[in-house]
N, C-alpha and C. Protein backbone atom coordinates (compact mmCIF):
# COMPACT_ATOMS: atom_id res chain seq x y z
N MET A 1 26.40 256.39 193.37
CA MET A 1 27.33 256.93 192.40
C MET A 1 27.58 255.95 191.26
N SER A 2 27.76 254.62 191.58
CA SER A 2 28.01 253.65 190.52
C SER A 2 26.78 253.44 189.64
N LYS A 3 25.60 253.64 190.21
CA LYS A 3 24.37 253.52 189.42
C LYS A 3 24.32 254.64 188.38
N LYS A 4 24.78 255.81 188.75
CA LYS A 4 24.81 256.95 187.85
C LYS A 4 25.79 256.68 186.70
N LYS A 5 26.96 256.08 187.01
CA LYS A 5 27.94 255.75 185.99
C LYS A 5 27.39 254.70 185.02
N SER A 6 26.64 253.74 185.55
CA SER A 6 26.04 252.71 184.70
C SER A 6 25.02 253.31 183.73
N VAL A 7 24.24 254.25 184.21
CA VAL A 7 23.23 254.91 183.37
C VAL A 7 23.93 255.72 182.28
N VAL A 8 24.98 256.46 182.66
CA VAL A 8 25.71 257.25 181.68
C VAL A 8 26.37 256.33 180.64
N ALA A 9 26.97 255.23 181.07
CA ALA A 9 27.59 254.28 180.15
C ALA A 9 26.56 253.69 179.20
N ALA A 10 25.39 253.36 179.69
CA ALA A 10 24.32 252.81 178.85
C ALA A 10 23.87 253.84 177.81
N LEU A 11 23.73 255.08 178.22
CA LEU A 11 23.33 256.14 177.29
C LEU A 11 24.39 256.35 176.21
N VAL A 12 25.66 256.35 176.60
CA VAL A 12 26.74 256.49 175.62
C VAL A 12 26.71 255.33 174.64
N LEU A 13 26.49 254.12 175.13
CA LEU A 13 26.40 252.96 174.26
C LEU A 13 25.25 253.09 173.27
N VAL A 14 24.10 253.53 173.73
CA VAL A 14 22.94 253.71 172.85
C VAL A 14 23.24 254.75 171.78
N VAL A 15 23.88 255.84 172.15
CA VAL A 15 24.22 256.89 171.19
C VAL A 15 25.21 256.34 170.15
N LEU A 16 26.20 255.58 170.58
CA LEU A 16 27.17 255.01 169.64
C LEU A 16 26.51 254.03 168.67
N VAL A 17 25.59 253.23 169.16
CA VAL A 17 24.86 252.29 168.30
C VAL A 17 24.02 253.06 167.28
N LEU A 18 23.36 254.11 167.72
CA LEU A 18 22.56 254.91 166.80
C LEU A 18 23.43 255.57 165.73
N ILE A 19 24.60 256.06 166.12
CA ILE A 19 25.51 256.66 165.15
C ILE A 19 25.98 255.62 164.15
N ALA A 20 26.32 254.41 164.63
CA ALA A 20 26.75 253.34 163.74
C ALA A 20 25.65 252.96 162.74
N LEU A 21 24.42 252.86 163.21
CA LEU A 21 23.29 252.54 162.32
C LEU A 21 23.08 253.63 161.28
N LEU A 22 23.21 254.87 161.69
CA LEU A 22 23.04 255.99 160.78
C LEU A 22 24.13 255.98 159.71
N CYS A 23 25.36 255.70 160.11
CA CYS A 23 26.46 255.60 159.13
C CYS A 23 26.23 254.45 158.17
N TRP A 24 25.81 253.30 158.69
CA TRP A 24 25.55 252.14 157.83
C TRP A 24 24.46 252.46 156.82
N LYS A 25 23.40 253.09 157.29
CA LYS A 25 22.28 253.44 156.41
C LYS A 25 22.72 254.42 155.33
N SER A 26 23.60 255.35 155.68
CA SER A 26 24.06 256.36 154.73
C SER A 26 24.95 255.78 153.65
N PHE A 27 25.78 254.79 154.00
CA PHE A 27 26.76 254.26 153.06
C PHE A 27 26.38 252.92 152.45
N ALA A 28 25.27 252.32 152.86
CA ALA A 28 24.84 251.04 152.30
C ALA A 28 24.43 251.22 150.84
N PRO A 29 24.72 250.22 149.99
CA PRO A 29 24.31 250.35 148.59
C PRO A 29 22.80 250.36 148.47
N GLU A 30 22.33 251.18 147.58
CA GLU A 30 20.89 251.29 147.39
C GLU A 30 20.43 250.40 146.26
N ALA A 31 19.25 249.87 146.41
CA ALA A 31 18.66 249.06 145.36
C ALA A 31 18.19 249.96 144.22
N VAL A 32 18.27 249.43 143.03
CA VAL A 32 17.82 250.17 141.86
C VAL A 32 16.59 249.46 141.32
N ALA A 33 15.47 250.16 141.33
CA ALA A 33 14.24 249.58 140.82
C ALA A 33 14.20 249.70 139.31
N GLY A 34 13.41 248.88 138.68
CA GLY A 34 13.24 248.96 137.23
C GLY A 34 13.92 247.83 136.50
N ASP A 35 13.71 247.80 135.20
CA ASP A 35 14.22 246.72 134.36
C ASP A 35 15.74 246.78 134.28
N LYS A 36 16.38 245.64 134.56
CA LYS A 36 17.83 245.53 134.50
C LYS A 36 18.18 244.27 133.71
N THR A 37 19.34 244.31 133.09
CA THR A 37 19.87 243.15 132.39
C THR A 37 21.25 242.89 132.96
N ILE A 38 21.45 241.68 133.48
CA ILE A 38 22.75 241.27 134.00
C ILE A 38 23.18 239.99 133.29
N THR A 39 24.47 239.74 133.31
CA THR A 39 25.02 238.52 132.72
C THR A 39 25.57 237.66 133.85
N VAL A 40 25.24 236.38 133.83
CA VAL A 40 25.72 235.44 134.85
C VAL A 40 26.35 234.25 134.16
N GLU A 41 27.62 234.02 134.48
CA GLU A 41 28.31 232.83 133.98
C GLU A 41 28.32 231.79 135.09
N VAL A 42 27.87 230.58 134.78
CA VAL A 42 27.85 229.49 135.74
C VAL A 42 28.95 228.50 135.35
N VAL A 43 29.89 228.28 136.28
CA VAL A 43 30.97 227.35 136.04
C VAL A 43 30.68 226.10 136.87
N HIS A 44 30.42 224.99 136.19
CA HIS A 44 30.02 223.74 136.84
C HIS A 44 31.23 222.96 137.37
N SER A 45 30.95 221.90 138.11
CA SER A 45 32.00 221.09 138.74
C SER A 45 32.94 220.44 137.73
N ASP A 46 32.45 220.17 136.52
CA ASP A 46 33.29 219.54 135.50
C ASP A 46 34.09 220.57 134.70
N GLY A 47 33.99 221.85 135.09
CA GLY A 47 34.73 222.91 134.41
C GLY A 47 33.99 223.55 133.26
N SER A 48 32.88 222.96 132.84
CA SER A 48 32.10 223.56 131.76
C SER A 48 31.40 224.81 132.27
N SER A 49 31.10 225.71 131.38
CA SER A 49 30.43 226.93 131.79
C SER A 49 29.31 227.29 130.82
N LYS A 50 28.34 227.98 131.36
CA LYS A 50 27.21 228.49 130.57
C LYS A 50 27.03 229.95 130.95
N SER A 51 26.66 230.74 129.98
CA SER A 51 26.40 232.15 130.22
C SER A 51 24.91 232.42 130.07
N PHE A 52 24.37 233.17 131.01
CA PHE A 52 22.95 233.49 131.00
C PHE A 52 22.78 235.01 131.03
N THR A 53 21.85 235.48 130.22
CA THR A 53 21.47 236.89 130.25
C THR A 53 20.14 236.95 131.00
N VAL A 54 20.13 237.69 132.10
CA VAL A 54 18.95 237.75 132.97
C VAL A 54 18.34 239.14 132.88
N HIS A 55 17.07 239.19 132.50
CA HIS A 55 16.31 240.44 132.48
C HIS A 55 15.40 240.42 133.70
N THR A 56 15.48 241.45 134.54
CA THR A 56 14.75 241.40 135.80
C THR A 56 14.38 242.78 136.31
N ASP A 57 13.36 242.81 137.14
CA ASP A 57 13.01 244.00 137.92
C ASP A 57 13.45 243.82 139.36
N SER A 58 14.02 242.66 139.68
CA SER A 58 14.45 242.37 141.05
C SER A 58 15.58 243.32 141.46
N GLU A 59 15.69 243.50 142.75
CA GLU A 59 16.71 244.41 143.27
C GLU A 59 17.98 243.67 143.71
N THR A 60 17.87 242.36 143.98
CA THR A 60 19.03 241.61 144.46
C THR A 60 19.37 240.47 143.50
N LEU A 61 20.61 240.05 143.56
CA LEU A 61 21.08 238.95 142.72
C LEU A 61 20.32 237.66 143.03
N GLY A 62 20.14 237.37 144.31
CA GLY A 62 19.43 236.15 144.69
C GLY A 62 18.02 236.10 144.15
N ALA A 63 17.31 237.22 144.27
CA ALA A 63 15.92 237.27 143.77
C ALA A 63 15.89 237.11 142.25
N ALA A 64 16.82 237.77 141.55
CA ALA A 64 16.85 237.68 140.09
C ALA A 64 17.13 236.25 139.63
N LEU A 65 18.10 235.59 140.28
CA LEU A 65 18.45 234.22 139.86
C LEU A 65 17.37 233.21 140.24
N THR A 66 16.71 233.43 141.38
CA THR A 66 15.61 232.56 141.78
C THR A 66 14.44 232.72 140.81
N GLU A 67 14.13 233.97 140.49
CA GLU A 67 13.04 234.28 139.56
C GLU A 67 13.31 233.65 138.19
N GLU A 68 14.56 233.60 137.78
CA GLU A 68 14.96 233.04 136.49
C GLU A 68 15.00 231.51 136.51
N GLY A 69 14.92 230.92 137.72
CA GLY A 69 14.97 229.47 137.85
C GLY A 69 16.38 228.91 137.87
N LEU A 70 17.38 229.78 138.05
CA LEU A 70 18.78 229.34 138.06
C LEU A 70 19.27 228.97 139.45
N LEU A 71 18.63 229.46 140.48
CA LEU A 71 19.13 229.29 141.84
C LEU A 71 18.08 228.61 142.71
N VAL A 72 18.53 227.63 143.51
CA VAL A 72 17.69 227.01 144.53
C VAL A 72 18.45 227.13 145.84
N GLY A 73 17.79 227.69 146.83
CA GLY A 73 18.44 227.87 148.13
C GLY A 73 17.46 227.75 149.26
N GLU A 74 18.00 227.85 150.46
CA GLU A 74 17.15 227.83 151.64
C GLU A 74 17.66 228.87 152.62
N ASP A 75 16.74 229.40 153.41
CA ASP A 75 17.11 230.40 154.40
C ASP A 75 18.00 229.79 155.47
N GLY A 76 19.07 230.47 155.79
CA GLY A 76 19.99 230.05 156.83
C GLY A 76 20.25 231.20 157.78
N PRO A 77 21.12 231.01 158.74
CA PRO A 77 21.37 232.07 159.72
C PRO A 77 22.07 233.29 159.11
N TYR A 78 22.69 233.16 157.94
CA TYR A 78 23.40 234.27 157.31
C TYR A 78 22.78 234.67 155.98
N GLY A 79 21.53 234.30 155.77
CA GLY A 79 20.86 234.58 154.51
C GLY A 79 20.61 233.29 153.76
N ILE A 80 20.44 233.41 152.46
CA ILE A 80 20.15 232.23 151.63
C ILE A 80 21.41 231.38 151.50
N PHE A 81 21.28 230.08 151.81
CA PHE A 81 22.34 229.12 151.51
C PHE A 81 21.99 228.53 150.16
N VAL A 82 22.86 228.74 149.17
CA VAL A 82 22.59 228.30 147.81
C VAL A 82 22.88 226.81 147.70
N ARG A 83 21.85 226.05 147.40
CA ARG A 83 21.96 224.60 147.25
C ARG A 83 22.31 224.19 145.82
N ALA A 84 21.70 224.87 144.85
CA ALA A 84 21.90 224.48 143.45
C ALA A 84 21.87 225.71 142.55
N VAL A 85 22.69 225.64 141.51
CA VAL A 85 22.69 226.66 140.47
C VAL A 85 22.66 225.93 139.14
N ASP A 86 21.77 226.35 138.26
CA ASP A 86 21.62 225.75 136.94
C ASP A 86 21.51 224.22 137.03
N GLY A 87 20.79 223.75 138.04
CA GLY A 87 20.51 222.32 138.17
C GLY A 87 21.59 221.49 138.86
N GLU A 88 22.74 222.08 139.21
CA GLU A 88 23.80 221.32 139.88
C GLU A 88 23.77 221.62 141.38
N THR A 89 23.62 220.57 142.18
CA THR A 89 23.48 220.69 143.63
C THR A 89 24.81 220.39 144.32
N VAL A 90 25.09 221.18 145.36
CA VAL A 90 26.31 220.95 146.14
C VAL A 90 26.05 219.89 147.21
N ASP A 91 27.15 219.26 147.66
CA ASP A 91 27.10 218.27 148.73
C ASP A 91 27.93 218.82 149.89
N GLU A 92 27.25 219.25 150.95
CA GLU A 92 27.95 219.85 152.09
C GLU A 92 28.95 218.89 152.73
N ALA A 93 28.68 217.59 152.70
CA ALA A 93 29.59 216.61 153.28
C ALA A 93 30.94 216.60 152.55
N LYS A 94 30.94 217.03 151.30
CA LYS A 94 32.18 217.12 150.52
C LYS A 94 32.73 218.55 150.49
N GLU A 95 32.19 219.42 151.35
CA GLU A 95 32.59 220.83 151.42
C GLU A 95 32.42 221.53 150.08
N GLN A 96 31.31 221.27 149.40
CA GLN A 96 31.04 221.91 148.13
C GLN A 96 30.13 223.11 148.36
N TRP A 97 30.37 224.17 147.58
CA TRP A 97 29.58 225.39 147.70
C TRP A 97 29.69 226.20 146.42
N TRP A 98 28.79 227.14 146.27
CA TRP A 98 28.79 228.02 145.11
C TRP A 98 29.45 229.34 145.49
N CYS A 99 30.50 229.70 144.80
CA CYS A 99 31.20 230.97 145.01
C CYS A 99 30.65 231.98 144.00
N PHE A 100 30.08 233.06 144.50
CA PHE A 100 29.54 234.10 143.63
C PHE A 100 30.54 235.24 143.53
N MET A 101 30.72 235.69 142.29
CA MET A 101 31.71 236.72 142.02
C MET A 101 31.10 237.81 141.14
N LYS A 102 31.65 238.99 141.28
CA LYS A 102 31.28 240.11 140.41
C LYS A 102 32.57 240.65 139.81
N ASP A 103 32.63 240.68 138.50
CA ASP A 103 33.81 241.17 137.80
C ASP A 103 35.08 240.48 138.28
N GLY A 104 35.01 239.17 138.56
CA GLY A 104 36.16 238.39 138.96
C GLY A 104 36.53 238.45 140.44
N GLU A 105 35.79 239.19 141.23
CA GLU A 105 36.07 239.32 142.67
C GLU A 105 34.95 238.65 143.47
N MET A 106 35.33 237.87 144.49
CA MET A 106 34.34 237.20 145.33
C MET A 106 33.45 238.23 146.03
N LEU A 107 32.15 237.97 146.01
CA LEU A 107 31.20 238.87 146.69
C LEU A 107 31.41 238.79 148.20
N MET A 108 31.31 239.91 148.86
CA MET A 108 31.43 239.97 150.31
C MET A 108 30.07 239.99 150.99
N THR A 109 29.02 239.86 150.18
CA THR A 109 27.65 239.78 150.69
C THR A 109 27.00 238.53 150.12
N GLY A 110 25.98 238.05 150.80
CA GLY A 110 25.22 236.92 150.28
C GLY A 110 24.42 237.34 149.06
N VAL A 111 23.98 236.37 148.27
CA VAL A 111 23.23 236.70 147.06
C VAL A 111 21.94 237.44 147.35
N ASP A 112 21.36 237.19 148.52
CA ASP A 112 20.11 237.87 148.85
C ASP A 112 20.35 239.30 149.36
N MET A 113 21.61 239.68 149.56
CA MET A 113 21.94 241.04 150.00
C MET A 113 22.73 241.80 148.93
N THR A 114 23.03 241.17 147.81
CA THR A 114 23.80 241.80 146.75
C THR A 114 22.87 242.56 145.81
N MET A 115 22.96 243.88 145.87
CA MET A 115 22.14 244.74 145.02
C MET A 115 22.70 244.71 143.61
N ILE A 116 21.81 244.68 142.63
CA ILE A 116 22.25 244.63 141.23
C ILE A 116 21.88 245.90 140.50
N MET A 117 22.69 246.18 139.48
CA MET A 117 22.42 247.32 138.60
C MET A 117 22.55 246.85 137.16
N ASP A 118 21.91 247.56 136.28
CA ASP A 118 21.89 247.20 134.87
C ASP A 118 23.31 247.09 134.31
N GLY A 119 23.54 246.02 133.55
CA GLY A 119 24.80 245.83 132.85
C GLY A 119 25.88 245.11 133.63
N GLU A 120 25.64 244.75 134.87
CA GLU A 120 26.67 244.10 135.67
C GLU A 120 26.88 242.65 135.24
N GLN A 121 28.09 242.13 135.55
CA GLN A 121 28.43 240.75 135.21
C GLN A 121 28.80 240.00 136.48
N TYR A 122 28.20 238.82 136.62
CA TYR A 122 28.42 237.96 137.79
C TYR A 122 28.82 236.58 137.33
N SER A 123 29.40 235.82 138.26
CA SER A 123 29.64 234.41 137.98
C SER A 123 29.35 233.60 139.24
N ALA A 124 28.93 232.37 139.03
CA ALA A 124 28.69 231.41 140.10
C ALA A 124 29.59 230.23 139.79
N VAL A 125 30.56 229.98 140.67
CA VAL A 125 31.57 228.97 140.42
C VAL A 125 31.42 227.84 141.44
N PHE A 126 31.21 226.62 140.93
CA PHE A 126 31.14 225.44 141.80
C PHE A 126 32.52 225.28 142.44
N THR A 127 32.54 225.20 143.77
CA THR A 127 33.81 225.17 144.50
C THR A 127 33.77 224.05 145.51
N GLU A 128 34.90 223.39 145.68
CA GLU A 128 35.00 222.32 146.67
C GLU A 128 36.14 222.63 147.63
N GLY A 129 35.84 222.53 148.93
CA GLY A 129 36.83 222.79 149.97
C GLY A 129 36.61 224.17 150.60
N TYR A 130 36.40 224.19 151.88
CA TYR A 130 36.14 225.45 152.56
C TYR A 130 37.40 226.29 152.70
N GLU A 131 38.58 225.69 152.53
CA GLU A 131 39.81 226.48 152.60
C GLU A 131 39.84 227.51 151.45
N ASN A 132 39.08 227.26 150.39
CA ASN A 132 39.00 228.20 149.26
C ASN A 132 38.29 229.49 149.63
N LEU A 133 37.61 229.51 150.75
CA LEU A 133 36.95 230.74 151.20
C LEU A 133 37.96 231.82 151.53
N TYR A 134 39.15 231.44 151.91
CA TYR A 134 40.12 232.40 152.43
C TYR A 134 41.26 232.67 151.48
N GLN A 135 41.11 232.28 150.22
CA GLN A 135 42.18 232.52 149.24
C GLN A 135 41.90 233.75 148.45
């Protein structure tokens, strides 16, 4: 009898996982193929900023910035860990990192998972201190 309950519980779990995947697939942002132009403002550690206009066929922010030569990163367990933007490299020992934003709001996805569309505006802000992640 308990073996039967285990089988039923496993089947219910599989069905729930499939439903969750189907919902995620339905509501996930879709990539837009074709020529896009985005604006990226880079705010450096000294407070200076530069604005870049990026023309790309890439579907994600990370790919567009890498293709443009603005971003240097490495694959990590959560996607690309951005090491440098516009030639400025972070020092992990000093809790430095690049905060990516869209229209003034921190991105909730990594740059390699952020889908871009024509006309969008992004910023990459040099940030120090991991406590800033939660503000």
